[in-house]
């Protein structure tokens, strides 16, 4: 993964959203499987990553235009802005 020196307003600062589910909301409904989970920083919807068969996190962005997600994987602390196509360190910084 390549870290960008640039950031945007969509991925900065702490965000107080509650995850919608303990897994990908849509996959849980259809009995699907996921590889990694992403948390929408606008509404808290949990979606699966682009390596997952259904790519629900990206589909959620296209449907809602909510711009940014954060990884929900243990040990990962990064965010992705769909709107600006940028990665950023998460709220606790690099590492």
PDB file of N, CA and C in Angstrom:
ATOM      1  N   UNK A   1       0.847  -1.167   0.000  1.00  0.00           N
ATOM      2  CA  UNK A   1       0.000   0.000   0.000  1.00  0.00           C
ATOM      3  C   UNK A   1       0.893   1.230   0.000  1.00  0.00           C
ATOM      4  N   UNK A   2       0.597   2.205  -0.819  1.00  0.00           N
ATOM      5  CA  UNK A   2       1.371   3.425  -0.882  1.00  0.00           C
ATOM      6  C   UNK A   2       0.672   4.514  -0.088  1.00  0.00           C
ATOM      7  N   UNK A   3       1.387   5.129   0.836  1.00  0.00           N
ATOM      8  CA  UNK A   3       0.813   6.215   1.634  1.00  0.00           C
ATOM      9  C   UNK A   3       0.997   7.514   0.886  1.00  0.00           C
ATOM     10  N   UNK A   4      -0.002   8.333   0.915  1.00  0.00           N
ATOM     11  CA  UNK A   4       0.030   9.626   0.259  1.00  0.00           C
ATOM     12  C   UNK A   4       0.482  10.692   1.251  1.00  0.00           C
ATOM     13  N   UNK A   5       1.238  11.673   0.771  1.00  0.00           N
ATOM     14  CA  UNK A   5       1.593  12.810   1.600  1.00  0.00           C
ATOM     15  C   UNK A   5       0.404  13.761   1.735  1.00  0.00           C
ATOM     16  N   UNK A   6      -0.483  13.712   0.764  1.00  0.00           N
ATOM     17  CA  UNK A   6      -1.655  14.576   0.770  1.00  0.00           C
ATOM     18  C   UNK A   6      -2.751  13.968   1.640  1.00  0.00           C
ATOM     19  N   UNK A   7      -3.593  14.813   2.175  1.00  0.00           N
ATOM     20  CA  UNK A   7      -4.789  14.353   2.858  1.00  0.00           C
ATOM     21  C   UNK A   7      -5.946  15.247   2.418  1.00  0.00           C
ATOM     22  N   UNK A   8      -7.133  14.867   2.792  1.00  0.00           N
ATOM     23  CA  UNK A   8      -8.302  15.673   2.473  1.00  0.00           C
ATOM     24  C   UNK A   8      -9.157  15.789   3.730  1.00  0.00           C
ATOM     25  N   UNK A   9     -10.123  16.667   3.692  1.00  0.00           N
ATOM     26  CA  UNK A   9     -10.962  16.890   4.869  1.00  0.00           C
ATOM     27  C   UNK A   9     -11.806  15.675   5.237  1.00  0.00           C
ATOM     28  N   UNK A  10     -12.036  14.760   4.291  1.00  0.00           N
ATOM     29  CA  UNK A  10     -12.893  13.602   4.545  1.00  0.00           C
ATOM     30  C   UNK A  10     -12.261  12.564   5.466  1.00  0.00           C
ATOM     31  N   UNK A  11     -10.950  12.572   5.590  1.00  0.00           N
ATOM     32  CA  UNK A  11     -10.274  11.534   6.371  1.00  0.00           C
ATOM     33  C   UNK A  11      -9.525  12.082   7.577  1.00  0.00           C
ATOM     34  N   UNK A  12      -9.707  13.342   7.905  1.00  0.00           N
ATOM     35  CA  UNK A  12      -8.981  13.951   9.016  1.00  0.00           C
ATOM     36  C   UNK A  12      -9.801  13.922  10.296  1.00  0.00           C
ATOM     37  N   UNK A  13      -9.103  13.824  11.403  1.00  0.00           N
ATOM     38  CA  UNK A  13      -9.708  13.935  12.716  1.00  0.00           C
ATOM     39  C   UNK A  13     -10.519  12.734  13.154  1.00  0.00           C
ATOM     40  N   UNK A  14     -10.868  12.722  14.427  1.00  0.00           N
ATOM     41  CA  UNK A  14     -11.675  11.618  14.958  1.00  0.00           C
ATOM     42  C   UNK A  14     -13.110  11.676  14.433  1.00  0.00           C
ATOM     43  N   UNK A  15     -13.704  10.523  14.287  1.00  0.00           N
ATOM     44  CA  UNK A  15     -15.083  10.414  13.815  1.00  0.00           C
ATOM     45  C   UNK A  15     -15.836   9.517  14.786  1.00  0.00           C
ATOM     46  N   UNK A  16     -17.018   9.935  15.178  1.00  0.00           N
ATOM     47  CA  UNK A  16     -17.831   9.157  16.124  1.00  0.00           C
ATOM     48  C   UNK A  16     -18.991   8.504  15.382  1.00  0.00           C
ATOM     49  N   UNK A  17     -18.733   7.352  14.795  1.00  0.00           N
ATOM     50  CA  UNK A  17     -19.795   6.562  14.164  1.00  0.00           C
ATOM     51  C   UNK A  17     -19.794   5.181  14.799  1.00  0.00           C
ATOM     52  N   UNK A  18     -20.962   4.597  14.906  1.00  0.00           N
ATOM     53  CA  UNK A  18     -21.096   3.259  15.463  1.00  0.00           C
ATOM     54  C   UNK A  18     -21.244   2.265  14.323  1.00  0.00           C
ATOM     55  N   UNK A  19     -20.406   1.222  14.299  1.00  0.00           N
ATOM     56  CA  UNK A  19     -20.540   0.215  13.234  1.00  0.00           C
ATOM     57  C   UNK A  19     -21.947  -0.385  13.206  1.00  0.00           C
ATOM     58  N   UNK A  20     -22.487  -0.546  12.005  1.00  0.00           N
ATOM     59  CA  UNK A  20     -23.844  -1.062  11.819  1.00  0.00           C
ATOM     60  C   UNK A  20     -23.961  -2.543  12.154  1.00  0.00           C
ATOM     61  N   UNK A  21     -22.889  -3.283  12.003  1.00  0.00           N
ATOM     62  CA  UNK A  21     -22.894  -4.731  12.229  1.00  0.00           C
ATOM     63  C   UNK A  21     -21.502  -5.193  12.628  1.00  0.00           C
ATOM     64  N   UNK A  22     -21.404  -6.466  13.003  1.00  0.00           N
ATOM     65  CA  UNK A  22     -20.105  -7.054  13.319  1.00  0.00           C
ATOM     66  C   UNK A  22     -19.427  -7.625  12.076  1.00  0.00           C
ATOM     67  N   UNK A  23     -20.123  -7.593  10.947  1.00  0.00           N
ATOM     68  CA  UNK A  23     -19.604  -8.037   9.662  1.00  0.00           C
ATOM     69  C   UNK A  23     -20.196  -7.162   8.585  1.00  0.00           C
ATOM     70  N   UNK A  24     -19.914  -7.469   7.327  1.00  0.00           N
ATOM     71  CA  UNK A  24     -20.471  -6.707   6.210  1.00  0.00           C
ATOM     72  C   UNK A  24     -22.000  -6.829   6.241  1.00  0.00           C
ATOM     73  N   UNK A  25     -22.666  -5.698   6.384  1.00  0.00           N
ATOM     74  CA  UNK A  25     -24.127  -5.672   6.513  1.00  0.00           C
ATOM     75  C   UNK A  25     -24.809  -6.413   5.360  1.00  0.00           C
ATOM     76  N   UNK A  26     -24.406  -6.118   4.145  1.00  0.00           N
ATOM     77  CA  UNK A  26     -25.043  -6.727   2.968  1.00  0.00           C
ATOM     78  C   UNK A  26     -24.704  -8.206   2.839  1.00  0.00           C
ATOM     79  N   UNK A  27     -23.458  -8.580   3.099  1.00  0.00           N
ATOM     80  CA  UNK A  27     -23.079  -9.998   3.031  1.00  0.00           C
ATOM     81  C   UNK A  27     -23.843 -10.812   4.075  1.00  0.00           C
ATOM     82  N   UNK A  28     -24.026 -10.244   5.264  1.00  0.00           N
ATOM     83  CA  UNK A  28     -24.788 -10.954   6.289  1.00  0.00           C
ATOM     84  C   UNK A  28     -26.217 -11.212   5.821  1.00  0.00           C
ATOM     85  N   UNK A  29     -26.805 -10.259   5.090  1.00  0.00           N
ATOM     86  CA  UNK A  29     -28.175 -10.415   4.588  1.00  0.00           C
ATOM     87  C   UNK A  29     -28.287 -11.505   3.533  1.00  0.00           C
ATOM     88  N   UNK A  30     -27.261 -11.629   2.669  1.00  0.00           N
ATOM     89  CA  UNK A  30     -27.346 -12.568   1.536  1.00  0.00           C
ATOM     90  C   UNK A  30     -26.548 -13.852   1.748  1.00  0.00           C
ATOM     91  N   UNK A  31     -25.899 -13.978   2.890  1.00  0.00           N
ATOM     92  CA  UNK A  31     -25.074 -15.154   3.138  1.00  0.00           C
ATOM     93  C   UNK A  31     -23.756 -15.108   2.390  1.00  0.00           C
ATOM     94  N   UNK A  32     -23.293 -13.900   2.058  1.00  0.00           N
ATOM     95  CA  UNK A  32     -22.038 -13.727   1.340  1.00  0.00           C
ATOM     96  C   UNK A  32     -20.831 -13.802   2.262  1.00  0.00           C
ATOM     97  N   UNK A  33     -19.657 -13.808   1.658  1.00  0.00           N
ATOM     98  CA  UNK A  33     -18.402 -13.853   2.396  1.00  0.00           C
ATOM     99  C   UNK A  33     -17.590 -12.609   2.085  1.00  0.00           C
ATOM    100  N   UNK A  34     -16.732 -12.221   3.023  1.00  0.00           N
ATOM    101  CA  UNK A  34     -15.882 -11.061   2.809  1.00  0.00           C
ATOM    102  C   UNK A  34     -14.454 -11.403   3.166  1.00  0.00           C
ATOM    103  N   UNK A  35     -13.534 -10.547   2.685  1.00  0.00           N
ATOM    104  CA  UNK A  35     -12.106 -10.697   2.978  1.00  0.00           C
ATOM    105  C   UNK A  35     -11.717  -9.744   4.110  1.00  0.00           C
ATOM    106  N   UNK A  36     -12.043  -8.459   3.952  1.00  0.00           N
ATOM    107  CA  UNK A  36     -11.750  -7.434   4.954  1.00  0.00           C
ATOM    108  C   UNK A  36     -12.954  -6.515   5.084  1.00  0.00           C
ATOM    109  N   UNK A  37     -13.034  -5.827   6.217  1.00  0.00           N
ATOM    110  CA  UNK A  37     -14.174  -4.952   6.477  1.00  0.00           C
ATOM    111  C   UNK A  37     -13.765  -3.492   6.500  1.00  0.00           C
ATOM    112  N   UNK A  38     -14.681  -2.638   6.043  1.00  0.00           N
ATOM    113  CA  UNK A  38     -14.492  -1.189   6.023  1.00  0.00           C
ATOM    114  C   UNK A  38     -15.679  -0.524   6.704  1.00  0.00           C
ATOM    115  N   UNK A  39     -15.420   0.565   7.420  1.00  0.00           N
ATOM    116  CA  UNK A  39     -16.444   1.311   8.148  1.00  0.00           C
ATOM    117  C   UNK A  39     -16.669   2.649   7.460  1.00  0.00           C
ATOM    118  N   UNK A  40     -17.892   2.927   7.047  1.00  0.00           N
ATOM    119  CA  UNK A  40     -18.228   4.228   6.465  1.00  0.00           C
ATOM    120  C   UNK A  40     -18.126   5.279   7.565  1.00  0.00           C
ATOM    121  N   UNK A  41     -17.335   6.316   7.319  1.00  0.00           N
ATOM    122  CA  UNK A  41     -17.126   7.353   8.323  1.00  0.00           C
ATOM    123  C   UNK A  41     -18.264   8.365   8.360  1.00  0.00           C
ATOM    124  N   UNK A  42     -19.219   8.254   7.455  1.00  0.00           N
ATOM    125  CA  UNK A  42     -20.384   9.140   7.468  1.00  0.00           C
ATOM    126  C   UNK A  42     -21.537   8.550   8.266  1.00  0.00           C
ATOM    127  N   UNK A  43     -21.797   7.248   8.069  1.00  0.00           N
ATOM    128  CA  UNK A  43     -22.997   6.664   8.678  1.00  0.00           C
ATOM    129  C   UNK A  43     -22.750   5.412   9.511  1.00  0.00           C
ATOM    130  N   UNK A  44     -21.542   4.846   9.464  1.00  0.00           N
ATOM    131  CA  UNK A  44     -21.241   3.665  10.250  1.00  0.00           C
ATOM    132  C   UNK A  44     -21.546   2.340   9.578  1.00  0.00           C
ATOM    133  N   UNK A  45     -21.992   2.371   8.336  1.00  0.00           N
ATOM    134  CA  UNK A  45     -22.278   1.107   7.643  1.00  0.00           C
ATOM    135  C   UNK A  45     -20.986   0.326   7.455  1.00  0.00           C
ATOM    136  N   UNK A  46     -21.049  -0.966   7.737  1.00  0.00           N
ATOM    137  CA  UNK A  46     -19.903  -1.851   7.550  1.00  0.00           C
ATOM    138  C   UNK A  46     -20.059  -2.537   6.203  1.00  0.00           C
ATOM    139  N   UNK A  47     -19.013  -2.449   5.387  1.00  0.00           N
ATOM    140  CA  UNK A  47     -19.022  -3.075   4.067  1.00  0.00           C
ATOM    141  C   UNK A  47     -17.752  -3.861   3.840  1.00  0.00           C
ATOM    142  N   UNK A  48     -17.787  -4.735   2.850  1.00  0.00           N
ATOM    143  CA  UNK A  48     -16.613  -5.549   2.528  1.00  0.00           C
ATOM    144  C   UNK A  48     -15.726  -4.825   1.511  1.00  0.00           C
ATOM    145  N   UNK A  49     -14.454  -5.166   1.530  1.00  0.00           N
ATOM    146  CA  UNK A  49     -13.445  -4.511   0.705  1.00  0.00           C
ATOM    147  C   UNK A  49     -13.544  -4.931  -0.764  1.00  0.00           C
ATOM    148  N   UNK A  50     -12.729  -4.292  -1.585  1.00  0.00           N
ATOM    149  CA  UNK A  50     -12.730  -4.582  -3.024  1.00  0.00           C
ATOM    150  C   UNK A  50     -12.119  -5.938  -3.368  1.00  0.00           C
ATOM    151  N   UNK A  51     -11.426  -6.583  -2.432  1.00  0.00           N
ATOM    152  CA  UNK A  51     -10.933  -7.940  -2.669  1.00  0.00           C
ATOM    153  C   UNK A  51     -12.012  -8.974  -2.357  1.00  0.00           C
ATOM    154  N   UNK A  52     -13.094  -8.538  -1.762  1.00  0.00           N
ATOM    155  CA  UNK A  52     -14.226  -9.419  -1.464  1.00  0.00           C
ATOM    156  C   UNK A  52     -15.093  -9.559  -2.717  1.00  0.00           C
ATOM    157  N   UNK A  53     -15.806 -10.682  -2.860  1.00  0.00           N
ATOM    158  CA  UNK A  53     -16.597 -10.904  -4.072  1.00  0.00           C
ATOM    159  C   UNK A  53     -17.626  -9.814  -4.380  1.00  0.00           C
ATOM    160  N   UNK A  54     -18.230  -9.220  -3.346  1.00  0.00           N
ATOM    161  CA  UNK A  54     -19.327  -8.279  -3.590  1.00  0.00           C
ATOM    162  C   UNK A  54     -18.964  -6.803  -3.472  1.00  0.00           C
ATOM    163  N   UNK A  55     -17.800  -6.475  -2.976  1.00  0.00           N
ATOM    164  CA  UNK A  55     -17.312  -5.088  -2.923  1.00  0.00           C
ATOM    165  C   UNK A  55     -18.361  -4.118  -2.377  1.00  0.00           C
ATOM    166  N   UNK A  56     -18.971  -4.461  -1.242  1.00  0.00           N
ATOM    167  CA  UNK A  56     -20.077  -3.658  -0.718  1.00  0.00           C
ATOM    168  C   UNK A  56     -19.659  -2.272  -0.211  1.00  0.00           C
ATOM    169  N   UNK A  57     -18.446  -2.097   0.269  1.00  0.00           N
ATOM    170  CA  UNK A  57     -18.022  -0.767   0.732  1.00  0.00           C
ATOM    171  C   UNK A  57     -17.991   0.217  -0.437  1.00  0.00           C
ATOM    172  N   UNK A  58     -17.420  -0.198  -1.551  1.00  0.00           N
ATOM    173  CA  UNK A  58     -17.380   0.667  -2.729  1.00  0.00           C
ATOM    174  C   UNK A  58     -18.784   0.884  -3.286  1.00  0.00           C
ATOM    175  N   UNK A  59     -19.606  -0.151  -3.277  1.00  0.00           N
ATOM    176  CA  UNK A  59     -20.992  -0.005  -3.739  1.00  0.00           C
ATOM    177  C   UNK A  59     -21.738   1.014  -2.875  1.00  0.00           C
ATOM    178  N   UNK A  60     -21.471   1.001  -1.564  1.00  0.00           N
ATOM    179  CA  UNK A  60     -22.104   1.960  -0.659  1.00  0.00           C
ATOM    180  C   UNK A  60     -21.693   3.384  -1.038  1.00  0.00           C
ATOM    181  N   UNK A  61     -20.416   3.589  -1.354  1.00  0.00           N
ATOM    182  CA  UNK A  61     -19.966   4.916  -1.787  1.00  0.00           C
ATOM    183  C   UNK A  61     -20.716   5.351  -3.045  1.00  0.00           C
ATOM    184  N   UNK A  62     -20.819   4.471  -4.039  1.00  0.00           N
ATOM    185  CA  UNK A  62     -21.493   4.838  -5.285  1.00  0.00           C
ATOM    186  C   UNK A  62     -22.972   5.140  -5.065  1.00  0.00           C
ATOM    187  N   UNK A  63     -23.575   4.448  -4.130  1.00  0.00           N
ATOM    188  CA  UNK A  63     -24.998   4.649  -3.839  1.00  0.00           C
ATOM    189  C   UNK A  63     -25.249   5.930  -3.035  1.00  0.00           C
ATOM    190  N   UNK A  64     -24.385   6.209  -2.061  1.00  0.00           N
ATOM    191  CA  UNK A  64     -24.653   7.298  -1.117  1.00  0.00           C
ATOM    192  C   UNK A  64     -23.772   8.530  -1.295  1.00  0.00           C
ATOM    193  N   UNK A  65     -22.627   8.345  -1.933  1.00  0.00           N
ATOM    194  CA  UNK A  65     -21.590   9.373  -2.056  1.00  0.00           C
ATOM    195  C   UNK A  65     -20.951   9.717  -0.717  1.00  0.00           C
ATOM    196  N   UNK A  66     -21.093   8.845   0.280  1.00  0.00           N
ATOM    197  CA  UNK A  66     -20.354   9.017   1.530  1.00  0.00           C
ATOM    198  C   UNK A  66     -18.884   8.836   1.187  1.00  0.00           C
ATOM    199  N   UNK A  67     -18.038   9.824   1.429  1.00  0.00           N
ATOM    200  CA  UNK A  67     -16.713   9.846   0.819  1.00  0.00           C
ATOM    201  C   UNK A  67     -15.633   8.943   1.398  1.00  0.00           C
ATOM    202  N   UNK A  68     -15.704   8.572   2.692  1.00  0.00           N
ATOM    203  CA  UNK A  68     -14.532   7.928   3.287  1.00  0.00           C
ATOM    204  C   UNK A  68     -14.883   6.718   4.144  1.00  0.00           C
ATOM    205  N   UNK A  69     -13.937   5.782   4.184  1.00  0.00           N
ATOM    206  CA  UNK A  69     -14.046   4.591   5.023  1.00  0.00           C
ATOM    207  C   UNK A  69     -12.769   4.443   5.841  1.00  0.00           C
ATOM    208  N   UNK A  70     -12.893   3.668   6.900  1.00  0.00           N
ATOM    209  CA  UNK A  70     -11.748   3.304   7.725  1.00  0.00           C
ATOM    210  C   UNK A  70     -11.688   1.795   7.796  1.00  0.00           C
ATOM    211  N   UNK A  71     -10.497   1.246   7.806  1.00  0.00           N
ATOM    212  CA  UNK A  71     -10.347  -0.192   7.956  1.00  0.00           C
ATOM    213  C   UNK A  71     -10.887  -0.623   9.318  1.00  0.00           C
ATOM    214  N   UNK A  72     -11.588  -1.754   9.341  1.00  0.00           N
ATOM    215  CA  UNK A  72     -12.048  -2.342  10.597  1.00  0.00           C
ATOM    216  C   UNK A  72     -11.224  -3.566  10.968  1.00  0.00           C
ATOM    217  N   UNK A  73     -10.104  -3.755  10.297  1.00  0.00           N
ATOM    218  CA  UNK A  73      -9.253  -4.910  10.561  1.00  0.00           C
ATOM    219  C   UNK A  73      -8.334  -4.653  11.755  1.00  0.00           C
ATOM    220  N   UNK A  74      -8.178  -5.647  12.602  1.00  0.00           N
ATOM    221  CA  UNK A  74      -7.290  -5.548  13.761  1.00  0.00           C
ATOM    222  C   UNK A  74      -5.874  -5.205  13.299  1.00  0.00           C
ATOM    223  N   UNK A  75      -5.262  -4.255  13.965  1.00  0.00           N
ATOM    224  CA  UNK A  75      -3.892  -3.868  13.644  1.00  0.00           C
ATOM    225  C   UNK A  75      -3.765  -2.897  12.487  1.00  0.00           C
ATOM    226  N   UNK A  76      -4.865  -2.539  11.844  1.00  0.00           N
ATOM    227  CA  UNK A  76      -4.818  -1.578  10.739  1.00  0.00           C
ATOM    228  C   UNK A  76      -5.433  -0.262  11.204  1.00  0.00           C
ATOM    229  N   UNK A  77      -4.761   0.830  10.881  1.00  0.00           N
ATOM    230  CA  UNK A  77      -5.223   2.143  11.289  1.00  0.00           C
ATOM    231  C   UNK A  77      -5.064   3.105  10.109  1.00  0.00           C
ATOM    232  N   UNK A  78      -5.909   2.941   9.113  1.00  0.00           N
ATOM    233  CA  UNK A  78      -5.850   3.799   7.936  1.00  0.00           C
ATOM    234  C   UNK A  78      -7.258   4.083   7.436  1.00  0.00           C
ATOM    235  N   UNK A  79      -7.332   5.110   6.613  1.00  0.00           N
ATOM    236  CA  UNK A  79      -8.592   5.523   6.005  1.00  0.00           C
ATOM    237  C   UNK A  79      -8.394   5.688   4.508  1.00  0.00           C
ATOM    238  N   UNK A  80      -9.496   5.563   3.762  1.00  0.00           N
ATOM    239  CA  UNK A  80      -9.483   5.748   2.315  1.00  0.00           C
ATOM    240  C   UNK A  80     -10.600   6.701   1.948  1.00  0.00           C
ATOM    241  N   UNK A  81     -10.278   7.703   1.158  1.00  0.00           N
ATOM    242  CA  UNK A  81     -11.278   8.632   0.653  1.00  0.00           C
ATOM    243  C   UNK A  81     -11.578   8.281  -0.792  1.00  0.00           C
ATOM    244  N   UNK A  82     -12.792   7.810  -1.035  1.00  0.00           N
ATOM    245  CA  UNK A  82     -13.217   7.505  -2.405  1.00  0.00           C
ATOM    246  C   UNK A  82     -13.288   8.780  -3.239  1.00  0.00           C
ATOM    247  N   UNK A  83     -13.793   9.858  -2.655  1.00  0.00           N
ATOM    248  CA  UNK A  83     -14.010  11.103  -3.397  1.00  0.00           C
ATOM    249  C   UNK A  83     -12.697  11.671  -3.928  1.00  0.00           C
ATOM    250  N   UNK A  84     -11.645  11.655  -3.099  1.00  0.00           N
ATOM    251  CA  UNK A  84     -10.365  12.242  -3.488  1.00  0.00           C
ATOM    252  C   UNK A  84      -9.316  11.201  -3.859  1.00  0.00           C
ATOM    253  N   UNK A  85      -9.678   9.910  -3.750  1.00  0.00           N
ATOM    254  CA  UNK A  85      -8.766   8.810  -4.092  1.00  0.00           C
ATOM    255  C   UNK A  85      -7.453   8.897  -3.316  1.00  0.00           C
ATOM    256  N   UNK A  86      -7.563   9.059  -1.976  1.00  0.00           N
ATOM    257  CA  UNK A  86      -6.390   9.193  -1.124  1.00  0.00           C
ATOM    258  C   UNK A  86      -6.456   8.262   0.074  1.00  0.00           C
ATOM    259  N   UNK A  87      -5.307   7.700   0.435  1.00  0.00           N
ATOM    260  CA  UNK A  87      -5.144   6.992   1.706  1.00  0.00           C
ATOM    261  C   UNK A  87      -4.690   7.996   2.745  1.00  0.00           C
ATOM    262  N   UNK A  88      -4.995   7.723   3.979  1.00  0.00           N
ATOM    263  CA  UNK A  88      -4.500   8.554   5.077  1.00  0.00           C
ATOM    264  C   UNK A  88      -4.332   7.682   6.313  1.00  0.00           C
ATOM    265  N   UNK A  89      -3.395   8.089   7.173  1.00  0.00           N
ATOM    266  CA  UNK A  89      -3.256   7.410   8.467  1.00  0.00           C
ATOM    267  C   UNK A  89      -4.542   7.634   9.250  1.00  0.00           C
ATOM    268  N   UNK A  90      -4.887   6.653  10.061  1.00  0.00           N
ATOM    269  CA  UNK A  90      -6.085   6.745  10.879  1.00  0.00           C
ATOM    270  C   UNK A  90      -5.896   7.690  12.050  1.00  0.00           C
ATOM    271  N   UNK A  91      -6.876   7.746  12.930  1.00  0.00           N
ATOM    272  CA  UNK A  91      -6.873   8.713  14.018  1.00  0.00           C
ATOM    273  C   UNK A  91      -5.734   8.551  15.010  1.00  0.00           C
ATOM    274  N   UNK A  92      -5.152   7.354  15.128  1.00  0.00           N
ATOM    275  CA  UNK A  92      -4.045   7.197  16.075  1.00  0.00           C
ATOM    276  C   UNK A  92      -2.699   7.267  15.382  1.00  0.00           C
ATOM    277  N   UNK A  93      -2.676   7.625  14.092  1.00  0.00           N
ATOM    278  CA  UNK A  93      -1.417   7.861  13.393  1.00  0.00           C
ATOM    279  C   UNK A  93      -0.820   6.604  12.815  1.00  0.00           C
ATOM    280  N   UNK A  94       0.400   6.717  12.248  1.00  0.00           N
ATOM    281  CA  UNK A  94       1.043   5.576  11.593  1.00  0.00           C
ATOM    282  C   UNK A  94       1.320   4.440  12.575  1.00  0.00           C
ATOM    283  N   UNK A  95       1.365   3.263  12.006  1.00  0.00           N
ATOM    284  CA  UNK A  95       1.776   2.159  12.850  1.00  0.00           C
ATOM    285  C   UNK A  95       0.813   1.077  12.838  1.00  0.00           C
TER     286      UNK A  95
END
